[in-house]
Amino acid sequence: MVLCPRISLCPRISDDPDLAIRVGTKLCEELLEPLQEKWGRIAIRSVYRSAELNAFGNQMQKEGKSGYTCASNDANAAGHIWDLPDADGLTGATACIVLPLFWEQHQNTGDWRMLADWIDQNLPYSALEFFPHLLGVQHFVARAAKAPDLQLR
């Protein structure tokens, strides 16, 4: 893969649109829509990345450039890179989101655990990562369950 020379030139088009649409649909239907129904509107901070765009962000991070936090393509396969199965052949999708209404109502230390418990009891996911005080908002990463055939729980 040729690394794009700057972010504005990085393609954001999927290498496998059918796969990206399938896993993105699952992410929306199985995680994001139920979260929105329960906790109100969602603010999406980061979602699908093309492999080339992710590689660019990862390279910028390695070079110490500010504002880039992309893991390697191998680490982001079946995560932010929806159209690239991971090393085990599993597919999936990730979204970094904020739930503003939840944050407004639950700002005490540890309140994020209430959200984590609700997600754990009600939604099919494969990974959650919380950043309780990033930029003063309740920011977290939700990853749809990864599976070879996209079957969730």
N, C-alpha and C. Protein backbone atom coordinates (compact mmCIF):
# COMPACT_ATOMS: atom_id res chain seq x y z
N MET A 1 0.85 -1.16 0.00
CA MET A 1 0.00 0.00 0.00
C MET A 1 0.90 1.23 0.00
N VAL A 2 0.60 2.18 -0.87
CA VAL A 2 1.32 3.44 -0.92
C VAL A 2 0.67 4.38 0.08
N LEU A 3 1.50 4.94 0.95
CA LEU A 3 0.97 5.86 1.95
C LEU A 3 0.64 7.19 1.31
N CYS A 4 -0.57 7.69 1.55
CA CYS A 4 -0.96 8.97 0.96
C CYS A 4 -0.09 10.09 1.55
N PRO A 5 0.22 11.11 0.76
CA PRO A 5 1.13 12.16 1.21
C PRO A 5 0.57 13.10 2.26
N ARG A 6 -0.73 13.26 2.32
CA ARG A 6 -1.36 14.07 3.37
C ARG A 6 -2.81 13.61 3.50
N ILE A 7 -3.38 13.91 4.66
CA ILE A 7 -4.70 13.38 5.01
C ILE A 7 -5.77 13.75 3.99
N SER A 8 -5.70 14.95 3.44
CA SER A 8 -6.73 15.38 2.49
C SER A 8 -6.70 14.56 1.20
N LEU A 9 -5.61 13.86 0.93
CA LEU A 9 -5.51 13.04 -0.27
C LEU A 9 -5.78 11.55 -0.01
N CYS A 10 -6.01 11.19 1.23
CA CYS A 10 -6.27 9.78 1.55
C CYS A 10 -7.68 9.40 1.14
N PRO A 11 -7.81 8.30 0.42
CA PRO A 11 -9.15 7.87 0.03
C PRO A 11 -9.94 7.38 1.24
N ARG A 12 -11.22 7.65 1.20
CA ARG A 12 -12.12 7.18 2.25
C ARG A 12 -13.12 6.19 1.67
N ILE A 13 -12.80 5.66 0.52
CA ILE A 13 -13.67 4.71 -0.18
C ILE A 13 -13.26 3.30 0.22
N SER A 14 -14.25 2.48 0.47
CA SER A 14 -14.01 1.11 0.90
C SER A 14 -13.41 0.25 -0.22
N ASP A 15 -12.50 -0.64 0.19
CA ASP A 15 -11.98 -1.64 -0.75
C ASP A 15 -12.99 -2.76 -0.97
N ASP A 16 -13.87 -2.97 -0.02
CA ASP A 16 -14.91 -4.01 -0.12
C ASP A 16 -16.22 -3.41 0.40
N PRO A 17 -16.91 -2.62 -0.44
CA PRO A 17 -18.12 -1.92 0.02
C PRO A 17 -19.19 -2.85 0.58
N ASP A 18 -19.36 -4.02 0.00
CA ASP A 18 -20.40 -4.94 0.50
C ASP A 18 -20.12 -5.35 1.94
N LEU A 19 -18.87 -5.67 2.24
CA LEU A 19 -18.51 -6.05 3.61
C LEU A 19 -18.68 -4.86 4.55
N ALA A 20 -18.20 -3.70 4.15
CA ALA A 20 -18.32 -2.51 4.99
C ALA A 20 -19.78 -2.20 5.30
N ILE A 21 -20.63 -2.33 4.32
CA ILE A 21 -22.06 -2.06 4.53
C ILE A 21 -22.67 -3.10 5.46
N ARG A 22 -22.31 -4.37 5.29
CA ARG A 22 -22.85 -5.42 6.16
C ARG A 22 -22.46 -5.21 7.62
N VAL A 23 -21.17 -5.00 7.87
CA VAL A 23 -20.74 -4.86 9.26
C VAL A 23 -21.19 -3.52 9.84
N GLY A 24 -21.22 -2.48 9.01
CA GLY A 24 -21.71 -1.17 9.46
C GLY A 24 -23.18 -1.22 9.82
N THR A 25 -23.95 -1.95 9.04
CA THR A 25 -25.37 -2.12 9.33
C THR A 25 -25.56 -2.83 10.67
N LYS A 26 -24.78 -3.88 10.90
CA LYS A 26 -24.86 -4.59 12.18
C LYS A 26 -24.49 -3.68 13.34
N LEU A 27 -23.43 -2.89 13.17
CA LEU A 27 -23.03 -1.95 14.21
C LEU A 27 -24.18 -1.00 14.54
N CYS A 28 -24.80 -0.45 13.51
CA CYS A 28 -25.91 0.48 13.73
C CYS A 28 -27.11 -0.20 14.36
N GLU A 29 -27.55 -1.31 13.79
CA GLU A 29 -28.77 -1.97 14.26
C GLU A 29 -28.61 -2.61 15.63
N GLU A 30 -27.44 -3.21 15.88
CA GLU A 30 -27.25 -3.98 17.12
C GLU A 30 -26.71 -3.15 18.28
N LEU A 31 -26.01 -2.05 17.98
CA LEU A 31 -25.41 -1.25 19.05
C LEU A 31 -25.86 0.21 19.06
N LEU A 32 -25.63 0.91 17.97
CA LEU A 32 -25.85 2.36 17.98
C LEU A 32 -27.32 2.73 18.12
N GLU A 33 -28.19 2.08 17.37
CA GLU A 33 -29.62 2.41 17.48
C GLU A 33 -30.19 2.10 18.86
N PRO A 34 -29.89 0.93 19.45
CA PRO A 34 -30.38 0.70 20.82
C PRO A 34 -29.80 1.69 21.84
N LEU A 35 -28.53 2.06 21.68
CA LEU A 35 -27.94 3.06 22.56
C LEU A 35 -28.69 4.38 22.45
N GLN A 36 -28.99 4.77 21.22
CA GLN A 36 -29.71 6.03 21.01
C GLN A 36 -31.13 5.97 21.58
N GLU A 37 -31.79 4.83 21.41
CA GLU A 37 -33.15 4.69 21.96
C GLU A 37 -33.14 4.83 23.49
N LYS A 38 -32.13 4.30 24.14
CA LYS A 38 -32.06 4.32 25.61
C LYS A 38 -31.50 5.63 26.15
N TRP A 39 -30.44 6.17 25.53
CA TRP A 39 -29.70 7.27 26.11
C TRP A 39 -29.74 8.56 25.30
N GLY A 40 -30.49 8.60 24.22
CA GLY A 40 -30.59 9.84 23.43
C GLY A 40 -29.55 9.91 22.32
N ARG A 41 -29.54 11.04 21.65
CA ARG A 41 -28.71 11.23 20.46
C ARG A 41 -27.25 10.85 20.72
N ILE A 42 -26.61 10.34 19.67
CA ILE A 42 -25.22 9.92 19.71
C ILE A 42 -24.38 10.92 18.93
N ALA A 43 -23.23 11.27 19.48
CA ALA A 43 -22.23 12.05 18.73
C ALA A 43 -21.12 11.08 18.35
N ILE A 44 -20.93 10.92 17.05
CA ILE A 44 -19.90 9.99 16.56
C ILE A 44 -18.60 10.77 16.39
N ARG A 45 -17.54 10.29 17.04
CA ARG A 45 -16.24 10.93 16.96
C ARG A 45 -15.35 10.28 15.92
N SER A 46 -15.45 8.98 15.76
CA SER A 46 -14.62 8.27 14.80
C SER A 46 -15.32 6.97 14.47
N VAL A 47 -15.26 6.58 13.20
CA VAL A 47 -15.98 5.38 12.79
C VAL A 47 -15.18 4.70 11.68
N TYR A 48 -15.72 4.47 10.52
CA TYR A 48 -15.03 3.77 9.43
C TYR A 48 -13.79 4.54 8.96
N ARG A 49 -12.73 3.81 8.71
CA ARG A 49 -11.54 4.35 8.05
C ARG A 49 -11.13 3.40 6.94
N SER A 50 -10.72 3.96 5.82
CA SER A 50 -10.11 3.11 4.79
C SER A 50 -8.76 2.65 5.33
N ALA A 51 -8.26 1.53 4.81
CA ALA A 51 -6.96 1.03 5.25
C ALA A 51 -5.87 2.06 4.98
N GLU A 52 -5.96 2.75 3.87
CA GLU A 52 -4.95 3.75 3.54
C GLU A 52 -5.00 4.95 4.49
N LEU A 53 -6.19 5.42 4.80
CA LEU A 53 -6.32 6.53 5.74
C LEU A 53 -5.82 6.13 7.12
N ASN A 54 -6.16 4.93 7.57
CA ASN A 54 -5.70 4.46 8.87
C ASN A 54 -4.18 4.34 8.90
N ALA A 55 -3.59 3.79 7.83
CA ALA A 55 -2.13 3.66 7.77
C ALA A 55 -1.46 5.04 7.85
N PHE A 56 -2.06 6.03 7.18
CA PHE A 56 -1.53 7.40 7.25
C PHE A 56 -1.56 7.91 8.69
N GLY A 57 -2.70 7.75 9.35
CA GLY A 57 -2.82 8.21 10.73
C GLY A 57 -1.85 7.49 11.66
N ASN A 58 -1.65 6.21 11.44
CA ASN A 58 -0.71 5.44 12.25
C ASN A 58 0.72 5.93 12.02
N GLN A 59 1.06 6.20 10.77
CA GLN A 59 2.40 6.71 10.47
C GLN A 59 2.63 8.08 11.11
N MET A 60 1.62 8.94 11.05
CA MET A 60 1.75 10.26 11.67
C MET A 60 1.93 10.14 13.19
N GLN A 61 1.21 9.19 13.79
CA GLN A 61 1.35 8.96 15.23
C GLN A 61 2.76 8.49 15.53
N LYS A 62 3.28 7.54 14.74
CA LYS A 62 4.65 7.04 14.96
C LYS A 62 5.68 8.16 14.84
N GLU A 63 5.39 9.13 13.99
CA GLU A 63 6.30 10.26 13.81
C GLU A 63 6.12 11.33 14.88
N GLY A 64 5.18 11.09 15.80
CA GLY A 64 4.97 12.02 16.90
C GLY A 64 4.13 13.23 16.55
N LYS A 65 3.38 13.16 15.45
CA LYS A 65 2.53 14.28 15.05
C LYS A 65 1.32 14.36 15.97
N SER A 66 0.96 15.55 16.36
CA SER A 66 -0.16 15.78 17.26
C SER A 66 -1.49 15.52 16.55
N GLY A 67 -2.44 14.93 17.29
CA GLY A 67 -3.79 14.75 16.77
C GLY A 67 -4.04 13.43 16.06
N TYR A 68 -3.06 12.56 15.99
CA TYR A 68 -3.23 11.27 15.32
C TYR A 68 -3.14 10.16 16.35
N THR A 69 -4.17 9.31 16.38
CA THR A 69 -4.19 8.22 17.36
C THR A 69 -4.61 6.90 16.72
N CYS A 70 -4.19 6.65 15.50
CA CYS A 70 -4.58 5.42 14.80
C CYS A 70 -3.63 4.28 15.15
N ALA A 71 -4.18 3.15 15.52
CA ALA A 71 -3.39 1.93 15.69
C ALA A 71 -3.01 1.41 14.31
N SER A 72 -2.21 0.39 14.26
CA SER A 72 -1.80 -0.20 12.98
C SER A 72 -3.00 -0.78 12.25
N ASN A 73 -2.84 -1.03 10.97
CA ASN A 73 -3.92 -1.65 10.20
C ASN A 73 -4.23 -3.04 10.75
N ASP A 74 -3.21 -3.79 11.17
CA ASP A 74 -3.47 -5.11 11.75
C ASP A 74 -4.34 -4.99 13.00
N ALA A 75 -4.04 -4.00 13.84
CA ALA A 75 -4.81 -3.82 15.08
C ALA A 75 -6.21 -3.28 14.80
N ASN A 76 -6.38 -2.52 13.74
CA ASN A 76 -7.68 -1.92 13.43
C ASN A 76 -8.52 -2.72 12.43
N ALA A 77 -7.98 -3.83 11.92
CA ALA A 77 -8.77 -4.69 11.03
C ALA A 77 -9.99 -5.20 11.79
N ALA A 78 -11.15 -5.18 11.14
CA ALA A 78 -12.42 -5.59 11.76
C ALA A 78 -12.74 -4.69 12.95
N GLY A 79 -12.19 -3.50 12.94
CA GLY A 79 -12.46 -2.49 13.95
C GLY A 79 -12.80 -1.21 13.22
N HIS A 80 -11.90 -0.26 13.21
CA HIS A 80 -12.13 0.96 12.43
C HIS A 80 -12.07 0.67 10.93
N ILE A 81 -11.32 -0.33 10.54
CA ILE A 81 -11.27 -0.72 9.12
C ILE A 81 -12.29 -1.83 8.93
N TRP A 82 -13.50 -1.42 8.59
CA TRP A 82 -14.63 -2.35 8.52
C TRP A 82 -14.50 -3.36 7.39
N ASP A 83 -13.81 -3.01 6.34
CA ASP A 83 -13.78 -3.86 5.15
C ASP A 83 -12.52 -4.73 5.10
N LEU A 84 -11.88 -4.94 6.23
CA LEU A 84 -10.68 -5.77 6.31
C LEU A 84 -10.84 -6.74 7.47
N PRO A 85 -11.01 -8.04 7.18
CA PRO A 85 -11.09 -9.03 8.27
C PRO A 85 -9.80 -9.03 9.08
N ASP A 86 -9.90 -9.43 10.34
CA ASP A 86 -8.71 -9.47 11.19
C ASP A 86 -7.88 -10.72 10.88
N ALA A 87 -6.80 -10.93 11.61
CA ALA A 87 -5.88 -12.05 11.36
C ALA A 87 -6.56 -13.41 11.49
N ASP A 88 -7.66 -13.47 12.25
CA ASP A 88 -8.40 -14.73 12.41
C ASP A 88 -9.52 -14.88 11.40
N GLY A 89 -9.63 -13.92 10.47
CA GLY A 89 -10.69 -13.97 9.45
C GLY A 89 -12.02 -13.45 9.94
N LEU A 90 -12.06 -12.84 11.12
CA LEU A 90 -13.31 -12.32 11.65
C LEU A 90 -13.56 -10.91 11.13
N THR A 91 -14.82 -10.55 11.01
CA THR A 91 -15.20 -9.22 10.55
C THR A 91 -15.89 -8.47 11.68
N GLY A 92 -15.88 -7.15 11.60
CA GLY A 92 -16.52 -6.36 12.63
C GLY A 92 -16.42 -4.89 12.30
N ALA A 93 -16.95 -4.05 13.18
CA ALA A 93 -16.94 -2.61 13.00
C ALA A 93 -16.87 -1.94 14.36
N THR A 94 -16.21 -0.78 14.40
CA THR A 94 -16.03 -0.01 15.63
C THR A 94 -16.53 1.40 15.43
N ALA A 95 -17.07 1.98 16.50
CA ALA A 95 -17.42 3.40 16.51
C ALA A 95 -16.97 4.00 17.83
N CYS A 96 -16.35 5.15 17.78
CA CYS A 96 -16.03 5.94 18.98
C CYS A 96 -17.14 6.97 19.11
N ILE A 97 -17.85 6.93 20.22
CA ILE A 97 -19.04 7.78 20.34
C ILE A 97 -19.09 8.49 21.68
N VAL A 98 -19.95 9.48 21.74
CA VAL A 98 -20.28 10.20 22.96
C VAL A 98 -21.81 10.20 23.06
N LEU A 99 -22.30 10.02 24.27
CA LEU A 99 -23.73 10.13 24.55
C LEU A 99 -23.93 11.39 25.39
N PRO A 100 -24.16 12.54 24.73
CA PRO A 100 -24.22 13.81 25.45
C PRO A 100 -25.24 13.84 26.59
N LEU A 101 -26.43 13.29 26.38
CA LEU A 101 -27.45 13.32 27.43
C LEU A 101 -27.00 12.50 28.64
N PHE A 102 -26.42 11.34 28.37
CA PHE A 102 -25.90 10.53 29.48
C PHE A 102 -24.86 11.32 30.25
N TRP A 103 -23.94 11.95 29.52
CA TRP A 103 -22.88 12.72 30.17
C TRP A 103 -23.45 13.86 31.02
N GLU A 104 -24.45 14.54 30.50
CA GLU A 104 -25.06 15.66 31.25
C GLU A 104 -25.66 15.17 32.57
N GLN A 105 -26.21 13.97 32.55
CA GLN A 105 -26.91 13.46 33.73
C GLN A 105 -26.03 12.65 34.68
N HIS A 106 -24.86 12.21 34.20
CA HIS A 106 -24.02 11.29 34.99
C HIS A 106 -22.56 11.70 34.91
N GLN A 107 -22.18 12.70 35.69
CA GLN A 107 -20.80 13.18 35.65
C GLN A 107 -19.98 12.83 36.88
N ASN A 108 -20.52 12.06 37.78
CA ASN A 108 -19.75 11.68 38.96
C ASN A 108 -18.72 10.63 38.59
N THR A 109 -17.64 10.60 39.35
CA THR A 109 -16.60 9.60 39.13
C THR A 109 -17.22 8.21 39.16
N GLY A 110 -16.95 7.44 38.13
CA GLY A 110 -17.44 6.07 38.07
C GLY A 110 -18.81 5.90 37.45
N ASP A 111 -19.51 7.00 37.14
CA ASP A 111 -20.85 6.88 36.54
C ASP A 111 -20.83 6.12 35.22
N TRP A 112 -19.70 6.15 34.52
CA TRP A 112 -19.62 5.44 33.25
C TRP A 112 -19.89 3.95 33.43
N ARG A 113 -19.67 3.44 34.65
CA ARG A 113 -19.90 2.01 34.90
C ARG A 113 -21.38 1.64 34.74
N MET A 114 -22.26 2.60 35.04
CA MET A 114 -23.69 2.37 34.84
C MET A 114 -23.98 2.09 33.37
N LEU A 115 -23.38 2.87 32.50
CA LEU A 115 -23.53 2.68 31.06
C LEU A 115 -22.91 1.36 30.63
N ALA A 116 -21.73 1.07 31.13
CA ALA A 116 -21.07 -0.19 30.78
C ALA A 116 -21.91 -1.38 31.20
N ASP A 117 -22.48 -1.33 32.39
CA ASP A 117 -23.34 -2.42 32.87
C ASP A 117 -24.57 -2.58 31.98
N TRP A 118 -25.20 -1.46 31.61
CA TRP A 118 -26.38 -1.54 30.76
C TRP A 118 -26.03 -2.16 29.41
N ILE A 119 -24.93 -1.72 28.82
CA ILE A 119 -24.51 -2.28 27.53
C ILE A 119 -24.23 -3.77 27.68
N ASP A 120 -23.51 -4.15 28.74
CA ASP A 120 -23.15 -5.55 28.95
C ASP A 120 -24.39 -6.43 29.09
N GLN A 121 -25.44 -5.92 29.74
CA GLN A 121 -26.65 -6.70 29.97
C GLN A 121 -27.61 -6.71 28.78
N ASN A 122 -27.45 -5.74 27.85
CA ASN A 122 -28.48 -5.59 26.82
C ASN A 122 -28.01 -5.68 25.37
N LEU A 123 -26.73 -5.52 25.11
CA LEU A 123 -26.29 -5.43 23.72
C LEU A 123 -25.19 -6.43 23.39
N PRO A 124 -25.20 -6.95 22.15
CA PRO A 124 -24.14 -7.85 21.71
C PRO A 124 -22.93 -7.03 21.22
N TYR A 125 -21.85 -7.12 21.93
CA TYR A 125 -20.65 -6.37 21.56
C TYR A 125 -19.45 -7.28 21.78
N SER A 126 -18.32 -6.93 21.20
CA SER A 126 -17.13 -7.73 21.47
C SER A 126 -16.11 -6.97 22.29
N ALA A 127 -16.18 -5.64 22.33
CA ALA A 127 -15.24 -4.86 23.13
C ALA A 127 -15.82 -3.49 23.44
N LEU A 128 -15.53 -3.01 24.62
CA LEU A 128 -15.86 -1.65 25.04
C LEU A 128 -14.61 -1.04 25.65
N GLU A 129 -14.40 0.22 25.39
CA GLU A 129 -13.29 0.94 25.98
C GLU A 129 -13.80 2.33 26.34
N PHE A 130 -13.68 2.70 27.60
CA PHE A 130 -14.21 3.99 28.07
C PHE A 130 -13.09 4.97 28.37
N PHE A 131 -13.35 6.23 28.06
CA PHE A 131 -12.45 7.33 28.36
C PHE A 131 -13.28 8.36 29.13
N PRO A 132 -13.45 8.17 30.43
CA PRO A 132 -14.42 8.94 31.20
C PRO A 132 -14.27 10.45 31.16
N HIS A 133 -13.09 10.97 30.99
CA HIS A 133 -12.96 12.42 31.07
C HIS A 133 -12.23 13.02 29.87
N LEU A 134 -12.25 12.34 28.76
CA LEU A 134 -11.61 12.87 27.56
C LEU A 134 -12.39 14.07 27.04
N LEU A 135 -11.77 15.20 27.01
CA LEU A 135 -12.37 16.44 26.52
C LEU A 135 -13.66 16.79 27.26
N GLY A 136 -13.78 16.33 28.51
CA GLY A 136 -14.94 16.69 29.31
C GLY A 136 -16.22 15.98 28.90
N VAL A 137 -16.13 14.93 28.14
CA VAL A 137 -17.32 14.19 27.72
C VAL A 137 -17.13 12.71 27.99
N GLN A 138 -18.23 12.00 28.03
CA GLN A 138 -18.20 10.55 28.21
C GLN A 138 -17.95 9.90 26.85
N HIS A 139 -16.71 9.63 26.55
CA HIS A 139 -16.31 9.10 25.26
C HIS A 139 -16.02 7.62 25.41
N PHE A 140 -16.54 6.81 24.51
CA PHE A 140 -16.18 5.40 24.57
C PHE A 140 -16.23 4.77 23.19
N VAL A 141 -15.58 3.63 23.12
CA VAL A 141 -15.49 2.87 21.88
C VAL A 141 -16.36 1.63 22.03
N ALA A 142 -17.23 1.40 21.07
CA ALA A 142 -18.06 0.19 21.05
C ALA A 142 -17.72 -0.58 19.79
N ARG A 143 -17.41 -1.83 19.95
CA ARG A 143 -17.09 -2.67 18.80
C ARG A 143 -18.15 -3.75 18.67
N ALA A 144 -18.71 -3.84 17.49
CA ALA A 144 -19.70 -4.90 17.24
C ALA A 144 -19.02 -6.25 17.37
N ALA A 145 -19.78 -7.23 17.78
CA ALA A 145 -19.23 -8.58 17.91
C ALA A 145 -18.63 -9.02 16.60
N LYS A 146 -17.43 -9.59 16.68
CA LYS A 146 -16.77 -10.06 15.48
C LYS A 146 -17.12 -11.53 15.25
N ALA A 147 -17.37 -11.87 14.01
CA ALA A 147 -17.71 -13.24 13.68
C ALA A 147 -17.44 -13.48 12.20
N PRO A 148 -17.13 -14.73 11.83
CA PRO A 148 -16.89 -15.00 10.42
C PRO A 148 -18.12 -14.80 9.55
N ASP A 149 -19.31 -15.00 10.13
CA ASP A 149 -20.53 -14.90 9.34
C ASP A 149 -21.42 -13.75 9.80
N LEU A 150 -20.88 -12.88 10.64
CA LEU A 150 -21.59 -11.69 11.13
C LEU A 150 -22.78 -12.02 12.02
N GLN A 151 -22.82 -13.20 12.57
CA GLN A 151 -23.90 -13.54 13.49
C GLN A 151 -23.54 -13.03 14.87
N LEU A 152 -24.40 -12.25 15.47
CA LEU A 152 -24.15 -11.71 16.80
C LEU A 152 -24.94 -12.50 17.81
N ARG A 153 -24.33 -12.76 18.96
CA ARG A 153 -24.92 -13.52 20.07
C ARG A 153 -26.07 -14.38 19.67
